[in-house]
PDB file of N, CA and C in Angstrom:
ATOM      1  N   MET A   1      16.607  69.955  -6.313  1.00  0.00           N
ATOM      2  CA  MET A   1      15.655  68.915  -5.962  1.00  0.00           C
ATOM      3  C   MET A   1      16.306  67.559  -6.145  1.00  0.00           C
ATOM      4  N   ILE A   2      15.811  66.624  -5.373  1.00  0.00           N
ATOM      5  CA  ILE A   2      16.321  65.259  -5.406  1.00  0.00           C
ATOM      6  C   ILE A   2      15.172  64.340  -5.796  1.00  0.00           C
ATOM      7  N   GLN A   3      15.438  63.432  -6.723  1.00  0.00           N
ATOM      8  CA  GLN A   3      14.432  62.447  -7.092  1.00  0.00           C
ATOM      9  C   GLN A   3      14.716  61.166  -6.323  1.00  0.00           C
ATOM     10  N   GLY A   4      13.661  60.560  -5.781  1.00  0.00           N
ATOM     11  CA  GLY A   4      13.840  59.335  -5.019  1.00  0.00           C
ATOM     12  C   GLY A   4      12.565  58.522  -4.977  1.00  0.00           C
ATOM     13  N   ARG A   5      12.617  57.459  -4.188  1.00  0.00           N
ATOM     14  CA  ARG A   5      11.465  56.581  -4.037  1.00  0.00           C
ATOM     15  C   ARG A   5      11.283  56.270  -2.551  1.00  0.00           C
ATOM     16  N   VAL A   6      10.043  56.349  -2.088  1.00  0.00           N
ATOM     17  CA  VAL A   6       9.741  56.057  -0.688  1.00  0.00           C
ATOM     18  C   VAL A   6       9.940  54.565  -0.451  1.00  0.00           C
ATOM     19  N   ILE A   7      10.772  54.224   0.541  1.00  0.00           N
ATOM     20  CA  ILE A   7      11.030  52.816   0.831  1.00  0.00           C
ATOM     21  C   ILE A   7      10.483  52.393   2.195  1.00  0.00           C
ATOM     22  N   GLY A   8       9.937  53.338   2.940  1.00  0.00           N
ATOM     23  CA  GLY A   8       9.361  52.961   4.231  1.00  0.00           C
ATOM     24  C   GLY A   8       8.938  54.170   5.039  1.00  0.00           C
ATOM     25  N   LYS A   9       8.220  53.875   6.114  1.00  0.00           N
ATOM     26  CA  LYS A   9       7.770  54.908   7.040  1.00  0.00           C
ATOM     27  C   LYS A   9       8.589  54.816   8.310  1.00  0.00           C
ATOM     28  N   ILE A  10       8.834  55.958   8.919  1.00  0.00           N
ATOM     29  CA  ILE A  10       9.558  56.031  10.184  1.00  0.00           C
ATOM     30  C   ILE A  10       8.538  56.318  11.277  1.00  0.00           C
ATOM     31  N   TRP A  11       8.471  55.460  12.262  1.00  0.00           N
ATOM     32  CA  TRP A  11       7.513  55.639  13.359  1.00  0.00           C
ATOM     33  C   TRP A  11       8.234  56.267  14.538  1.00  0.00           C
ATOM     34  N   SER A  12       7.650  57.315  15.081  1.00  0.00           N
ATOM     35  CA  SER A  12       8.248  58.014  16.204  1.00  0.00           C
ATOM     36  C   SER A  12       7.159  58.342  17.222  1.00  0.00           C
ATOM     37  N   SER A  13       7.260  57.750  18.389  1.00  0.00           N
ATOM     38  CA  SER A  13       6.243  58.002  19.409  1.00  0.00           C
ATOM     39  C   SER A  13       6.517  59.290  20.185  1.00  0.00           C
ATOM     40  N   ARG A  14       7.738  59.805  20.086  1.00  0.00           N
ATOM     41  CA  ARG A  14       8.083  61.061  20.752  1.00  0.00           C
ATOM     42  C   ARG A  14       8.751  61.981  19.738  1.00  0.00           C
ATOM     43  N   ARG A  15       8.339  63.254  19.744  1.00  0.00           N
ATOM     44  CA  ARG A  15       8.905  64.252  18.841  1.00  0.00           C
ATOM     45  C   ARG A  15       9.075  65.561  19.588  1.00  0.00           C
ATOM     46  N   VAL A  16       9.924  66.421  19.077  1.00  0.00           N
ATOM     47  CA  VAL A  16      10.014  67.768  19.632  1.00  0.00           C
ATOM     48  C   VAL A  16       8.729  68.509  19.263  1.00  0.00           C
ATOM     49  N   ASP A  17       8.309  69.432  20.119  1.00  0.00           N
ATOM     50  CA  ASP A  17       7.041  70.132  19.922  1.00  0.00           C
ATOM     51  C   ASP A  17       6.978  70.942  18.627  1.00  0.00           C
ATOM     52  N   SER A  18       8.107  71.411  18.140  1.00  0.00           N
ATOM     53  CA  SER A  18       8.095  72.260  16.951  1.00  0.00           C
ATOM     54  C   SER A  18       7.991  71.466  15.638  1.00  0.00           C
ATOM     55  N   LEU A  19       8.041  70.134  15.720  1.00  0.00           N
ATOM     56  CA  LEU A  19       7.867  69.318  14.523  1.00  0.00           C
ATOM     57  C   LEU A  19       6.371  69.167  14.257  1.00  0.00           C
ATOM     58  N   PRO A  20       5.898  69.616  13.096  1.00  0.00           N
ATOM     59  CA  PRO A  20       4.459  69.543  12.811  1.00  0.00           C
ATOM     60  C   PRO A  20       3.970  68.104  12.735  1.00  0.00           C
ATOM     61  N   ALA A  21       2.679  67.940  12.858  1.00  0.00           N
ATOM     62  CA  ALA A  21       2.088  66.613  12.681  1.00  0.00           C
ATOM     63  C   ALA A  21       2.253  66.214  11.226  1.00  0.00           C
ATOM     64  N   GLY A  22       2.613  64.999  10.996  1.00  0.00           N
ATOM     65  CA  GLY A  22       2.815  64.504   9.635  1.00  0.00           C
ATOM     66  C   GLY A  22       3.713  63.292   9.660  1.00  0.00           C
ATOM     67  N   ALA A  23       3.897  62.699   8.507  1.00  0.00           N
ATOM     68  CA  ALA A  23       4.669  61.467   8.405  1.00  0.00           C
ATOM     69  C   ALA A  23       6.143  61.753   8.135  1.00  0.00           C
ATOM     70  N   LEU A  24       6.978  60.886   8.639  1.00  0.00           N
ATOM     71  CA  LEU A  24       8.396  60.876   8.306  1.00  0.00           C
ATOM     72  C   LEU A  24       8.626  59.632   7.457  1.00  0.00           C
ATOM     73  N   LEU A  25       9.155  59.829   6.253  1.00  0.00           N
ATOM     74  CA  LEU A  25       9.348  58.725   5.329  1.00  0.00           C
ATOM     75  C   LEU A  25      10.814  58.536   5.001  1.00  0.00           C
ATOM     76  N   GLU A  26      11.213  57.274   4.815  1.00  0.00           N
ATOM     77  CA  GLU A  26      12.558  56.979   4.363  1.00  0.00           C
ATOM     78  C   GLU A  26      12.539  56.963   2.837  1.00  0.00           C
ATOM     79  N   VAL A  27      13.432  57.725   2.235  1.00  0.00           N
ATOM     80  CA  VAL A  27      13.493  57.860   0.783  1.00  0.00           C
ATOM     81  C   VAL A  27      14.872  57.410   0.310  1.00  0.00           C
ATOM     82  N   GLU A  28      14.890  56.603  -0.750  1.00  0.00           N
ATOM     83  CA  GLU A  28      16.148  56.210  -1.375  1.00  0.00           C
ATOM     84  C   GLU A  28      16.293  57.004  -2.660  1.00  0.00           C
ATOM     85  N   THR A  29      17.414  57.692  -2.805  1.00  0.00           N
ATOM     86  CA  THR A  29      17.644  58.522  -3.983  1.00  0.00           C
ATOM     87  C   THR A  29      18.115  57.655  -5.144  1.00  0.00           C
ATOM     88  N   GLU A  30      18.142  58.258  -6.328  1.00  0.00           N
ATOM     89  CA  GLU A  30      18.599  57.523  -7.508  1.00  0.00           C
ATOM     90  C   GLU A  30      20.046  57.066  -7.372  1.00  0.00           C
ATOM     91  N   GLY A  31      20.837  57.782  -6.588  1.00  0.00           N
ATOM     92  CA  GLY A  31      22.226  57.405  -6.355  1.00  0.00           C
ATOM     93  C   GLY A  31      22.401  56.342  -5.287  1.00  0.00           C
ATOM     94  N   GLY A  32      21.304  55.913  -4.654  1.00  0.00           N
ATOM     95  CA  GLY A  32      21.363  54.868  -3.640  1.00  0.00           C
ATOM     96  C   GLY A  32      21.451  55.377  -2.214  1.00  0.00           C
ATOM     97  N   ALA A  33      21.589  56.694  -2.032  1.00  0.00           N
ATOM     98  CA  ALA A  33      21.630  57.253  -0.674  1.00  0.00           C
ATOM     99  C   ALA A  33      20.228  57.202  -0.062  1.00  0.00           C
ATOM    100  N   LYS A  34      20.168  57.140   1.246  1.00  0.00           N
ATOM    101  CA  LYS A  34      18.885  57.131   1.958  1.00  0.00           C
ATOM    102  C   LYS A  34      18.795  58.370   2.831  1.00  0.00           C
ATOM    103  N   LEU A  35      17.583  58.917   2.923  1.00  0.00           N
ATOM    104  CA  LEU A  35      17.356  60.063   3.796  1.00  0.00           C
ATOM    105  C   LEU A  35      15.954  59.975   4.381  1.00  0.00           C
ATOM    106  N   ILE A  36      15.755  60.726   5.449  1.00  0.00           N
ATOM    107  CA  ILE A  36      14.446  60.823   6.092  1.00  0.00           C
ATOM    108  C   ILE A  36      13.855  62.163   5.695  1.00  0.00           C
ATOM    109  N   ALA A  37      12.619  62.143   5.179  1.00  0.00           N
ATOM    110  CA  ALA A  37      11.981  63.372   4.714  1.00  0.00           C
ATOM    111  C   ALA A  37      10.606  63.523   5.353  1.00  0.00           C
ATOM    112  N   PHE A  38      10.252  64.746   5.672  1.00  0.00           N
ATOM    113  CA  PHE A  38       8.915  65.054   6.186  1.00  0.00           C
ATOM    114  C   PHE A  38       7.952  65.041   4.996  1.00  0.00           C
ATOM    115  N   ASP A  39       6.786  64.440   5.189  1.00  0.00           N
ATOM    116  CA  ASP A  39       5.825  64.278   4.097  1.00  0.00           C
ATOM    117  C   ASP A  39       4.496  64.967   4.393  1.00  0.00           C
ATOM    118  N   PRO A  40       4.249  66.139   3.801  1.00  0.00           N
ATOM    119  CA  PRO A  40       2.960  66.800   3.986  1.00  0.00           C
ATOM    120  C   PRO A  40       1.915  66.352   2.954  1.00  0.00           C
ATOM    121  N   LEU A  41       2.303  65.463   2.027  1.00  0.00           N
ATOM    122  CA  LEU A  41       1.429  65.097   0.919  1.00  0.00           C
ATOM    123  C   LEU A  41       0.677  63.777   1.107  1.00  0.00           C
ATOM    124  N   GLY A  42       1.141  62.923   2.001  1.00  0.00           N
ATOM    125  CA  GLY A  42       0.491  61.621   2.192  1.00  0.00           C
ATOM    126  C   GLY A  42       0.968  60.575   1.201  1.00  0.00           C
ATOM    127  N   CYS A  43       2.258  60.551   0.911  1.00  0.00           N
ATOM    128  CA  CYS A  43       2.823  59.598  -0.048  1.00  0.00           C
ATOM    129  C   CYS A  43       2.886  58.193   0.553  1.00  0.00           C
ATOM    130  N   ASN A  44       2.971  57.198  -0.327  1.00  0.00           N
ATOM    131  CA  ASN A  44       2.993  55.796   0.093  1.00  0.00           C
ATOM    132  C   ASN A  44       4.312  55.133  -0.267  1.00  0.00           C
ATOM    133  N   THR A  45       4.584  54.016   0.376  1.00  0.00           N
ATOM    134  CA  THR A  45       5.767  53.222   0.067  1.00  0.00           C
ATOM    135  C   THR A  45       5.735  52.825  -1.407  1.00  0.00           C
ATOM    136  N   GLY A  46       6.877  52.961  -2.070  1.00  0.00           N
ATOM    137  CA  GLY A  46       6.990  52.632  -3.478  1.00  0.00           C
ATOM    138  C   GLY A  46       6.778  53.812  -4.408  1.00  0.00           C
ATOM    139  N   GLU A  47       6.288  54.916  -3.877  1.00  0.00           N
ATOM    140  CA  GLU A  47       5.984  56.085  -4.694  1.00  0.00           C
ATOM    141  C   GLU A  47       7.248  56.877  -5.023  1.00  0.00           C
ATOM    142  N   ALA A  48       7.340  57.341  -6.270  1.00  0.00           N
ATOM    143  CA  ALA A  48       8.448  58.200  -6.688  1.00  0.00           C
ATOM    144  C   ALA A  48       8.132  59.627  -6.243  1.00  0.00           C
ATOM    145  N   VAL A  49       9.144  60.304  -5.662  1.00  0.00           N
ATOM    146  CA  VAL A  49       8.916  61.629  -5.084  1.00  0.00           C
ATOM    147  C   VAL A  49      10.047  62.584  -5.419  1.00  0.00           C
ATOM    148  N   LEU A  50       9.760  63.880  -5.242  1.00  0.00           N
ATOM    149  CA  LEU A  50      10.760  64.939  -5.317  1.00  0.00           C
ATOM    150  C   LEU A  50      10.981  65.476  -3.912  1.00  0.00           C
ATOM    151  N   VAL A  51      12.237  65.671  -3.557  1.00  0.00           N
ATOM    152  CA  VAL A  51      12.597  66.117  -2.213  1.00  0.00           C
ATOM    153  C   VAL A  51      13.456  67.370  -2.320  1.00  0.00           C
ATOM    154  N   THR A  52      13.224  68.313  -1.429  1.00  0.00           N
ATOM    155  CA  THR A  52      14.109  69.463  -1.301  1.00  0.00           C
ATOM    156  C   THR A  52      14.718  69.428   0.100  1.00  0.00           C
ATOM    157  N   GLN A  53      15.870  70.055   0.250  1.00  0.00           N
ATOM    158  CA  GLN A  53      16.562  70.010   1.537  1.00  0.00           C
ATOM    159  C   GLN A  53      16.987  71.395   1.993  1.00  0.00           C
ATOM    160  N   GLY A  54      17.399  71.473   3.238  1.00  0.00           N
ATOM    161  CA  GLY A  54      17.971  72.686   3.801  1.00  0.00           C
ATOM    162  C   GLY A  54      16.956  73.765   4.118  1.00  0.00           C
ATOM    163  N   SER A  55      17.362  75.021   3.917  1.00  0.00           N
ATOM    164  CA  SER A  55      16.519  76.154   4.305  1.00  0.00           C
ATOM    165  C   SER A  55      15.212  76.202   3.524  1.00  0.00           C
ATOM    166  N   VAL A  56      15.220  75.699   2.296  1.00  0.00           N
ATOM    167  CA  VAL A  56      13.979  75.654   1.508  1.00  0.00           C
ATOM    168  C   VAL A  56      12.974  74.726   2.187  1.00  0.00           C
ATOM    169  N   ALA A  57      13.429  73.590   2.671  1.00  0.00           N
ATOM    170  CA  ALA A  57      12.547  72.642   3.359  1.00  0.00           C
ATOM    171  C   ALA A  57      12.010  73.249   4.656  1.00  0.00           C
ATOM    172  N   ALA A  58      12.878  73.837   5.443  1.00  0.00           N
ATOM    173  CA  ALA A  58      12.457  74.434   6.712  1.00  0.00           C
ATOM    174  C   ALA A  58      11.542  75.635   6.493  1.00  0.00           C
ATOM    175  N   GLY A  59      11.743  76.376   5.417  1.00  0.00           N
ATOM    176  CA  GLY A  59      10.949  77.562   5.121  1.00  0.00           C
ATOM    177  C   GLY A  59       9.519  77.274   4.699  1.00  0.00           C
ATOM    178  N   TYR A  60       9.199  76.025   4.422  1.00  0.00           N
ATOM    179  CA  TYR A  60       7.840  75.629   4.029  1.00  0.00           C
ATOM    180  C   TYR A  60       6.824  75.911   5.141  1.00  0.00           C
ATOM    181  N   PHE A  61       7.270  75.810   6.377  1.00  0.00           N
ATOM    182  CA  PHE A  61       6.378  75.927   7.528  1.00  0.00           C
ATOM    183  C   PHE A  61       6.256  77.384   7.936  1.00  0.00           C
ATOM    184  N   LYS A  62       5.242  78.046   7.458  1.00  0.00           N
ATOM    185  CA  LYS A  62       5.035  79.473   7.720  1.00  0.00           C
ATOM    186  C   LYS A  62       4.650  79.709   9.177  1.00  0.00           C
ATOM    187  N   GLY A  63       5.244  80.721   9.783  1.00  0.00           N
ATOM    188  CA  GLY A  63       4.872  81.117  11.130  1.00  0.00           C
ATOM    189  C   GLY A  63       5.499  80.303  12.243  1.00  0.00           C
ATOM    190  N   LYS A  64       6.327  79.307  11.909  1.00  0.00           N
ATOM    191  CA  LYS A  64       6.986  78.531  12.961  1.00  0.00           C
ATOM    192  C   LYS A  64       8.326  78.034  12.452  1.00  0.00           C
ATOM    193  N   THR A  65       9.193  77.745  13.372  1.00  0.00           N
ATOM    194  CA  THR A  65      10.484  77.169  13.035  1.00  0.00           C
ATOM    195  C   THR A  65      10.386  75.673  13.244  1.00  0.00           C
ATOM    196  N   ALA A  66      10.514  74.929  12.166  1.00  0.00           N
ATOM    197  CA  ALA A  66      10.405  73.473  12.247  1.00  0.00           C
ATOM    198  C   ALA A  66      11.769  72.844  11.964  1.00  0.00           C
ATOM    199  N   PRO A  67      12.171  71.856  12.771  1.00  0.00           N
ATOM    200  CA  PRO A  67      13.471  71.210  12.565  1.00  0.00           C
ATOM    201  C   PRO A  67      13.396  70.177  11.442  1.00  0.00           C
ATOM    202  N   VAL A  68      13.127  70.647  10.225  1.00  0.00           N
ATOM    203  CA  VAL A  68      12.995  69.769   9.069  1.00  0.00           C
ATOM    204  C   VAL A  68      14.111  70.091   8.081  1.00  0.00           C
ATOM    205  N   ASP A  69      14.881  69.083   7.710  1.00  0.00           N
ATOM    206  CA  ASP A  69      15.987  69.273   6.776  1.00  0.00           C
ATOM    207  C   ASP A  69      15.659  68.733   5.382  1.00  0.00           C
ATOM    208  N   ALA A  70      14.681  67.835   5.271  1.00  0.00           N
ATOM    209  CA  ALA A  70      14.287  67.278   3.979  1.00  0.00           C
ATOM    210  C   ALA A  70      12.758  67.239   3.919  1.00  0.00           C
ATOM    211  N   LEU A  71      12.206  67.691   2.793  1.00  0.00           N
ATOM    212  CA  LEU A  71      10.761  67.822   2.643  1.00  0.00           C
ATOM    213  C   LEU A  71      10.338  67.272   1.293  1.00  0.00           C
ATOM    214  N   ILE A  72       9.344  66.396   1.294  1.00  0.00           N
ATOM    215  CA  ILE A  72       8.781  65.894   0.047  1.00  0.00           C
ATOM    216  C   ILE A  72       7.887  66.985  -0.516  1.00  0.00           C
ATOM    217  N   ILE A  73       8.223  67.451  -1.732  1.00  0.00           N
ATOM    218  CA  ILE A  73       7.472  68.562  -2.330  1.00  0.00           C
ATOM    219  C   ILE A  73       6.645  68.130  -3.532  1.00  0.00           C
ATOM    220  N   GLY A  74       6.779  66.880  -3.943  1.00  0.00           N
ATOM    221  CA  GLY A  74       6.004  66.431  -5.090  1.00  0.00           C
ATOM    222  C   GLY A  74       5.991  64.924  -5.206  1.00  0.00           C
ATOM    223  N   SER A  75       4.920  64.421  -5.774  1.00  0.00           N
ATOM    224  CA  SER A  75       4.782  63.007  -6.087  1.00  0.00           C
ATOM    225  C   SER A  75       4.888  62.894  -7.604  1.00  0.00           C
ATOM    226  N   ILE A  76       5.789  62.064  -8.082  1.00  0.00           N
ATOM    227  CA  ILE A  76       6.024  61.938  -9.515  1.00  0.00           C
ATOM    228  C   ILE A  76       5.016  60.959 -10.111  1.00  0.00           C
ATOM    229  N   ASP A  77       4.267  61.440 -11.093  1.00  0.00           N
ATOM    230  CA  ASP A  77       3.317  60.577 -11.781  1.00  0.00           C
ATOM    231  C   ASP A  77       4.091  59.625 -12.689  1.00  0.00           C
ATOM    232  N   GLU A  78       3.799  58.343 -12.538  1.00  0.00           N
ATOM    233  CA  GLU A  78       4.461  57.346 -13.354  1.00  0.00           C
ATOM    234  C   GLU A  78       3.427  56.680 -14.243  1.00  0.00           C
ATOM    235  N   GLU A  79       3.773  56.524 -15.499  1.00  0.00           N
ATOM    236  CA  GLU A  79       2.856  55.903 -16.436  1.00  0.00           C
ATOM    237  C   GLU A  79       2.992  54.392 -16.329  1.00  0.00           C
ATOM    238  N   ASN A  80       1.859  53.724 -16.106  1.00  0.00           N
ATOM    239  CA  ASN A  80       1.852  52.274 -16.052  1.00  0.00           C
ATOM    240  C   ASN A  80       1.632  51.749 -17.458  1.00  0.00           C
ATOM    241  N   VAL A  81       2.652  51.123 -17.996  1.00  0.00           N
ATOM    242  CA  VAL A  81       2.564  50.585 -19.354  1.00  0.00           C
ATOM    243  C   VAL A  81       2.468  49.072 -19.258  1.00  0.00           C
ATOM    244  N   SER A  82       1.370  48.519 -19.753  1.00  0.00           N
ATOM    245  CA  SER A  82       1.205  47.072 -19.730  1.00  0.00           C
ATOM    246  C   SER A  82       1.670  46.499 -21.053  1.00  0.00           C
ATOM    247  N   LYS A  83       2.389  45.422 -20.987  1.00  0.00           N
ATOM    248  CA  LYS A  83       2.872  44.761 -22.196  1.00  0.00           C
ATOM    249  C   LYS A  83       1.919  43.637 -22.553  1.00  0.00           C
ATOM    250  N   ALA A  84       1.311  43.723 -23.701  1.00  0.00           N
ATOM    251  CA  ALA A  84       0.338  42.724 -24.117  1.00  0.00           C
ATOM    252  C   ALA A  84       0.928  41.751 -25.081  1.00  0.00           C
TER     253      ALA A  84
END
């Protein structure tokens, strides 16, 4: 798994038919690399996420072959600590 943060949304008016409906998000990893991940969870910009890649990501879509190489599989809960 890869830990990263959503830095933006990718808008695509045309897609291949086998790509499910859902958002494509740009994620920056802790190492500074950027990747595009399919988001079935509804994550927002700025949110910390967990991403899986490769056959595990593609295997998420039961009953169809989806051209997905990176998949957001979790949203990381972050504790908001206020300094008083």
